Amino acid sequence: MIPSLKDFTDAMSASWPVALAACIGSAAVLVGEAFGLHYLSTLPDWLLGAAFLVCVFSGAVVAVAILRFLFSLPRKMLAARRRAKWKRKHVEELQFLPPQELHVLAWAAQCGTQVFTAPYNHQLLEPLIAKGYVQMIGGHHSIVNWPYRIPDHIWEQASNEFASWPPEEQEKQLAYPFQW
């Protein structure tokens, strides 16, 4: 069964790299025919027409992919700017956390662990999770030792700021904050 034009366009629109490969290959056949390469003389007559159609339609798919990328670029740049602004604001709000929540971040920074375990839904972690300062890692884990993660932008600030927190207790390590 010979594929229809719709089947071809569906296949090409599935992935622009496939369309680009088809465009380059069919264009090479057409250029080879234009330069009179002798090995192309043994191919069937309909092949040049098929190569032309493949080149045109796959070239169109690649052109549309390029246009879509170019039109989405400003939106992606604005989204990245908004995300960076949100991260800066999120980090600045660290100073307004209550001492017991700061203790959790300081403990993790002093231990040098961005990912740590604690009891599932521990009362100290619930507000930090709600504020986005700690993330609960999904999966199947023990309720006693559930993994949590500090987001990268918070971890960067916490590891710098809380390495010796609180200042009056620099010489001693903070205690493990998660007790039943």
C-alpha atoms as a PDB file:
ATOM      1  CA  MET A   1       0.000   0.000   0.000  1.00  0.00           C
ATOM      2  CA  ILE A   2       1.373   3.386  -1.003  1.00  0.00           C
ATOM      3  CA  PRO A   3       1.172   6.037   1.717  1.00  0.00           C
ATOM      4  CA  SER A   4      -1.026   9.037   1.046  1.00  0.00           C
ATOM      5  CA  LEU A   5       0.075  12.661   1.159  1.00  0.00           C
ATOM      6  CA  LYS A   6      -1.679  13.026   4.522  1.00  0.00           C
ATOM      7  CA  ASP A   7       0.313  10.092   5.926  1.00  0.00           C
ATOM      8  CA  PHE A   8       3.513  11.748   4.746  1.00  0.00           C
ATOM      9  CA  THR A   9       2.694  15.155   6.261  1.00  0.00           C
ATOM     10  CA  ASP A  10       1.666  13.490   9.537  1.00  0.00           C
ATOM     11  CA  ALA A  11       4.987  11.651   9.671  1.00  0.00           C
ATOM     12  CA  MET A  12       6.960  14.800   8.876  1.00  0.00           C
ATOM     13  CA  SER A  13       5.140  16.952  11.417  1.00  0.00           C
ATOM     14  CA  ALA A  14       5.810  14.395  14.158  1.00  0.00           C
ATOM     15  CA  SER A  15       9.430  15.483  14.364  1.00  0.00           C
ATOM     16  CA  TRP A  16      11.248  18.299  12.611  1.00  0.00           C
ATOM     17  CA  PRO A  17      14.611  16.461  12.616  1.00  0.00           C
ATOM     18  CA  VAL A  18      12.982  13.671  10.599  1.00  0.00           C
ATOM     19  CA  ALA A  19      11.561  16.262   8.211  1.00  0.00           C
ATOM     20  CA  LEU A  20      14.972  17.925   7.928  1.00  0.00           C
ATOM     21  CA  ALA A  21      16.626  14.589   7.121  1.00  0.00           C
ATOM     22  CA  ALA A  22      13.969  13.867   4.462  1.00  0.00           C
ATOM     23  CA  CYS A  23      14.421  17.364   3.003  1.00  0.00           C
ATOM     24  CA  ILE A  24      18.205  17.039   2.798  1.00  0.00           C
ATOM     25  CA  GLY A  25      18.024  13.543   1.317  1.00  0.00           C
ATOM     26  CA  SER A  26      15.463  14.415  -1.330  1.00  0.00           C
ATOM     27  CA  ALA A  27      17.262  17.671  -2.156  1.00  0.00           C
ATOM     28  CA  ALA A  28      20.469  15.671  -2.652  1.00  0.00           C
ATOM     29  CA  VAL A  29      18.679  13.434  -5.169  1.00  0.00           C
ATOM     30  CA  LEU A  30      17.332  16.476  -7.027  1.00  0.00           C
ATOM     31  CA  VAL A  31      20.734  18.214  -7.053  1.00  0.00           C
ATOM     32  CA  GLY A  32      22.365  14.992  -8.231  1.00  0.00           C
ATOM     33  CA  GLU A  33      19.899  14.813 -11.129  1.00  0.00           C
ATOM     34  CA  ALA A  34      20.529  18.461 -12.010  1.00  0.00           C
ATOM     35  CA  PHE A  35      24.290  17.790 -12.196  1.00  0.00           C
ATOM     36  CA  GLY A  36      23.672  14.646 -14.238  1.00  0.00           C
ATOM     37  CA  LEU A  37      25.148  12.066 -11.886  1.00  0.00           C
ATOM     38  CA  HIS A  38      25.237   8.780 -13.777  1.00  0.00           C
ATOM     39  CA  TYR A  39      23.951   6.510 -10.972  1.00  0.00           C
ATOM     40  CA  LEU A  40      20.608   8.357 -10.935  1.00  0.00           C
ATOM     41  CA  SER A  41      19.870   7.324 -14.539  1.00  0.00           C
ATOM     42  CA  THR A  42      18.986   3.803 -13.380  1.00  0.00           C
ATOM     43  CA  LEU A  43      16.301   5.005 -10.963  1.00  0.00           C
ATOM     44  CA  PRO A  44      12.623   4.937 -11.965  1.00  0.00           C
ATOM     45  CA  ASP A  45      11.151   8.064 -13.582  1.00  0.00           C
ATOM     46  CA  TRP A  46       8.643   8.659 -10.797  1.00  0.00           C
ATOM     47  CA  LEU A  47      11.422   8.928  -8.196  1.00  0.00           C
ATOM     48  CA  LEU A  48      12.330  12.502  -9.154  1.00  0.00           C
ATOM     49  CA  GLY A  49       8.709  13.581  -8.764  1.00  0.00           C
ATOM     50  CA  ALA A  50       8.512  11.841  -5.400  1.00  0.00           C
ATOM     51  CA  ALA A  51      11.829  13.397  -4.313  1.00  0.00           C
ATOM     52  CA  PHE A  52      10.520  16.825  -5.304  1.00  0.00           C
ATOM     53  CA  LEU A  53       7.322  16.340  -3.285  1.00  0.00           C
ATOM     54  CA  VAL A  54       9.247  15.032  -0.273  1.00  0.00           C
ATOM     55  CA  CYS A  55      11.631  17.997  -0.472  1.00  0.00           C
ATOM     56  CA  VAL A  56       8.794  20.537  -0.714  1.00  0.00           C
ATOM     57  CA  PHE A  57       6.654  19.132   2.094  1.00  0.00           C
ATOM     58  CA  SER A  58       9.462  18.269   4.477  1.00  0.00           C
ATOM     59  CA  GLY A  59      11.023  21.689   3.793  1.00  0.00           C
ATOM     60  CA  ALA A  60       7.681  23.263   4.696  1.00  0.00           C
ATOM     61  CA  VAL A  61       7.561  21.290   7.951  1.00  0.00           C
ATOM     62  CA  VAL A  62      11.084  22.467   8.834  1.00  0.00           C
ATOM     63  CA  ALA A  63      10.191  26.070   7.923  1.00  0.00           C
ATOM     64  CA  VAL A  64       7.120  25.940  10.172  1.00  0.00           C
ATOM     65  CA  ALA A  65       9.204  24.496  13.018  1.00  0.00           C
ATOM     66  CA  ILE A  66      11.703  27.347  12.638  1.00  0.00           C
ATOM     67  CA  LEU A  67       8.914  29.940  12.598  1.00  0.00           C
ATOM     68  CA  ARG A  68       7.268  28.416  15.666  1.00  0.00           C
ATOM     69  CA  PHE A  69      10.602  28.558  17.484  1.00  0.00           C
ATOM     70  CA  LEU A  70      11.186  32.174  16.492  1.00  0.00           C
ATOM     71  CA  PHE A  71       7.679  33.232  17.543  1.00  0.00           C
ATOM     72  CA  SER A  72       7.952  31.404  20.887  1.00  0.00           C
ATOM     73  CA  LEU A  73      11.361  32.864  21.714  1.00  0.00           C
ATOM     74  CA  PRO A  74      10.099  36.192  23.159  1.00  0.00           C
ATOM     75  CA  ARG A  75       7.527  34.345  25.284  1.00  0.00           C
ATOM     76  CA  LYS A  76      10.221  32.021  26.623  1.00  0.00           C
ATOM     77  CA  MET A  77      12.512  34.946  27.384  1.00  0.00           C
ATOM     78  CA  LEU A  78       9.729  36.742  29.293  1.00  0.00           C
ATOM     79  CA  ALA A  79       8.912  33.572  31.216  1.00  0.00           C
ATOM     80  CA  ALA A  80      12.580  33.137  32.143  1.00  0.00           C
ATOM     81  CA  ARG A  81      12.742  36.759  33.322  1.00  0.00           C
ATOM     82  CA  ARG A  82       9.589  36.322  35.439  1.00  0.00           C
ATOM     83  CA  ARG A  83      10.967  33.104  36.913  1.00  0.00           C
ATOM     84  CA  ALA A  84      14.284  34.784  37.819  1.00  0.00           C
ATOM     85  CA  LYS A  85      12.409  37.699  39.431  1.00  0.00           C
ATOM     86  CA  TRP A  86      10.254  35.270  41.422  1.00  0.00           C
ATOM     87  CA  LYS A  87      13.364  33.381  42.592  1.00  0.00           C
ATOM     88  CA  ARG A  88      15.045  36.601  43.765  1.00  0.00           C
ATOM     89  CA  LYS A  89      11.899  37.593  45.683  1.00  0.00           C
ATOM     90  CA  HIS A  90      11.593  34.087  47.140  1.00  0.00           C
ATOM     91  CA  VAL A  91      15.191  34.213  48.387  1.00  0.00           C
ATOM     92  CA  GLU A  92      14.693  37.707  49.848  1.00  0.00           C
ATOM     93  CA  GLU A  93      11.711  36.438  51.865  1.00  0.00           C
ATOM     94  CA  LEU A  94      13.976  33.977  53.705  1.00  0.00           C
ATOM     95  CA  GLN A  95      14.685  36.676  56.286  1.00  0.00           C
ATOM     96  CA  PHE A  96      11.015  36.746  57.322  1.00  0.00           C
ATOM     97  CA  LEU A  97      10.809  33.041  58.203  1.00  0.00           C
ATOM     98  CA  PRO A  98      10.194  32.147  61.857  1.00  0.00           C
ATOM     99  CA  PRO A  99      13.270  30.906  63.784  1.00  0.00           C
ATOM    100  CA  GLN A 100      12.110  27.262  63.873  1.00  0.00           C
ATOM    101  CA  GLU A 101      11.787  27.216  60.061  1.00  0.00           C
ATOM    102  CA  LEU A 102      15.161  28.926  59.668  1.00  0.00           C
ATOM    103  CA  HIS A 103      16.579  26.255  61.982  1.00  0.00           C
ATOM    104  CA  VAL A 104      15.610  23.552  59.467  1.00  0.00           C
ATOM    105  CA  LEU A 105      17.371  25.335  56.603  1.00  0.00           C
ATOM    106  CA  ALA A 106      20.390  26.173  58.792  1.00  0.00           C
ATOM    107  CA  TRP A 107      20.652  22.561  59.948  1.00  0.00           C
ATOM    108  CA  ALA A 108      20.624  21.317  56.348  1.00  0.00           C
ATOM    109  CA  ALA A 109      23.228  23.919  55.343  1.00  0.00           C
ATOM    110  CA  GLN A 110      25.523  22.990  58.232  1.00  0.00           C
ATOM    111  CA  CYS A 111      25.182  19.314  57.392  1.00  0.00           C
ATOM    112  CA  GLY A 112      25.797  20.105  53.716  1.00  0.00           C
ATOM    113  CA  THR A 113      22.738  18.198  52.573  1.00  0.00           C
ATOM    114  CA  GLN A 114      20.261  19.600  50.079  1.00  0.00           C
ATOM    115  CA  VAL A 115      18.228  16.381  50.287  1.00  0.00           C
ATOM    116  CA  PHE A 116      17.394  15.030  53.712  1.00  0.00           C
ATOM    117  CA  THR A 117      14.948  12.663  55.376  1.00  0.00           C
ATOM    118  CA  ALA A 118      12.424  13.453  58.052  1.00  0.00           C
ATOM    119  CA  PRO A 119       9.136  12.004  59.277  1.00  0.00           C
ATOM    120  CA  TYR A 120       6.318  12.283  56.745  1.00  0.00           C
ATOM    121  CA  ASN A 121       4.436  15.622  57.045  1.00  0.00           C
ATOM    122  CA  HIS A 122       6.504  16.779  59.994  1.00  0.00           C
ATOM    123  CA  GLN A 123       5.052  19.921  61.610  1.00  0.00           C
ATOM    124  CA  LEU A 124       8.242  21.933  60.972  1.00  0.00           C
ATOM    125  CA  LEU A 125       8.247  21.052  57.284  1.00  0.00           C
ATOM    126  CA  GLU A 126       4.596  21.696  56.446  1.00  0.00           C
ATOM    127  CA  PRO A 127       4.918  25.525  56.399  1.00  0.00           C
ATOM    128  CA  LEU A 128       8.227  25.321  54.523  1.00  0.00           C
ATOM    129  CA  ILE A 129       6.618  23.088  51.900  1.00  0.00           C
ATOM    130  CA  ALA A 130       3.635  25.433  51.613  1.00  0.00           C
ATOM    131  CA  LYS A 131       5.978  28.409  51.100  1.00  0.00           C
ATOM    132  CA  GLY A 132       8.117  26.525  48.559  1.00  0.00           C
ATOM    133  CA  TYR A 133      11.313  26.441  50.637  1.00  0.00           C
ATOM    134  CA  VAL A 134      11.293  22.643  50.869  1.00  0.00           C
ATOM    135  CA  GLN A 135       9.941  20.125  48.369  1.00  0.00           C
ATOM    136  CA  MET A 136       8.559  16.737  49.230  1.00  0.00           C
ATOM    137  CA  ILE A 137      10.032  14.035  47.000  1.00  0.00           C
ATOM    138  CA  GLY A 138       7.431  11.636  45.650  1.00  0.00           C
ATOM    139  CA  GLY A 139       7.597   7.877  45.458  1.00  0.00           C
ATOM    140  CA  HIS A 140       7.409   4.956  47.835  1.00  0.00           C
ATOM    141  CA  HIS A 141       9.349   5.702  50.988  1.00  0.00           C
ATOM    142  CA  SER A 142       9.213   5.001  54.695  1.00  0.00           C
ATOM    143  CA  ILE A 143       6.850   7.253  56.648  1.00  0.00           C
ATOM    144  CA  VAL A 144       9.600   7.593  59.252  1.00  0.00           C
ATOM    145  CA  ASN A 145      12.280   8.703  56.752  1.00  0.00           C
ATOM    146  CA  TRP A 146      10.597  10.560  53.922  1.00  0.00           C
ATOM    147  CA  PRO A 147      12.968  12.422  51.554  1.00  0.00           C
ATOM    148  CA  TYR A 148      12.706  16.187  51.198  1.00  0.00           C
ATOM    149  CA  ARG A 149      14.668  18.545  48.973  1.00  0.00           C
ATOM    150  CA  ILE A 150      15.586  22.213  49.234  1.00  0.00           C
ATOM    151  CA  PRO A 151      15.159  23.919  45.808  1.00  0.00           C
ATOM    152  CA  ASP A 152      18.395  24.999  44.123  1.00  0.00           C
ATOM    153  CA  HIS A 153      17.867  28.753  44.441  1.00  0.00           C
ATOM    154  CA  ILE A 154      17.095  28.441  48.156  1.00  0.00           C
ATOM    155  CA  TRP A 155      19.906  25.952  48.727  1.00  0.00           C
ATOM    156  CA  GLU A 156      22.452  28.299  47.178  1.00  0.00           C
ATOM    157  CA  GLN A 157      21.448  31.086  49.555  1.00  0.00           C
ATOM    158  CA  ALA A 158      21.044  28.819  52.587  1.00  0.00           C
ATOM    159  CA  SER A 159      24.424  27.138  52.156  1.00  0.00           C
ATOM    160  CA  ASN A 160      26.098  30.569  52.041  1.00  0.00           C
ATOM    161  CA  GLU A 161      24.050  32.330  54.700  1.00  0.00           C
ATOM    162  CA  PHE A 162      23.449  29.571  57.234  1.00  0.00           C
ATOM    163  CA  ALA A 163      26.804  27.784  57.217  1.00  0.00           C
ATOM    164  CA  SER A 164      27.508  29.339  60.613  1.00  0.00           C
ATOM    165  CA  TRP A 165      24.018  30.106  61.900  1.00  0.00           C
ATOM    166  CA  PRO A 166      23.188  31.351  64.474  1.00  0.00           C
ATOM    167  CA  PRO A 167      26.267  33.588  64.841  1.00  0.00           C
ATOM    168  CA  GLU A 168      26.423  33.248  68.646  1.00  0.00           C
ATOM    169  CA  GLU A 169      26.636  29.443  68.328  1.00  0.00           C
ATOM    170  CA  GLN A 170      29.167  29.181  65.500  1.00  0.00           C
ATOM    171  CA  GLU A 171      31.295  26.622  67.267  1.00  0.00           C
ATOM    172  CA  LYS A 172      28.567  23.992  67.731  1.00  0.00           C
ATOM    173  CA  GLN A 173      26.552  22.005  65.220  1.00  0.00           C
ATOM    174  CA  LEU A 174      22.786  22.550  65.177  1.00  0.00           C
ATOM    175  CA  ALA A 175      20.692  19.688  66.512  1.00  0.00           C
ATOM    176  CA  TYR A 176      18.602  17.436  64.283  1.00  0.00           C
ATOM    177  CA  PRO A 177      15.287  19.345  64.140  1.00  0.00           C
ATOM    178  CA  PHE A 178      12.890  16.463  63.348  1.00  0.00           C
ATOM    179  CA  GLN A 179      11.756  14.566  66.400  1.00  0.00           C
ATOM    180  CA  TRP A 180       8.456  12.708  66.749  1.00  0.00           C
END
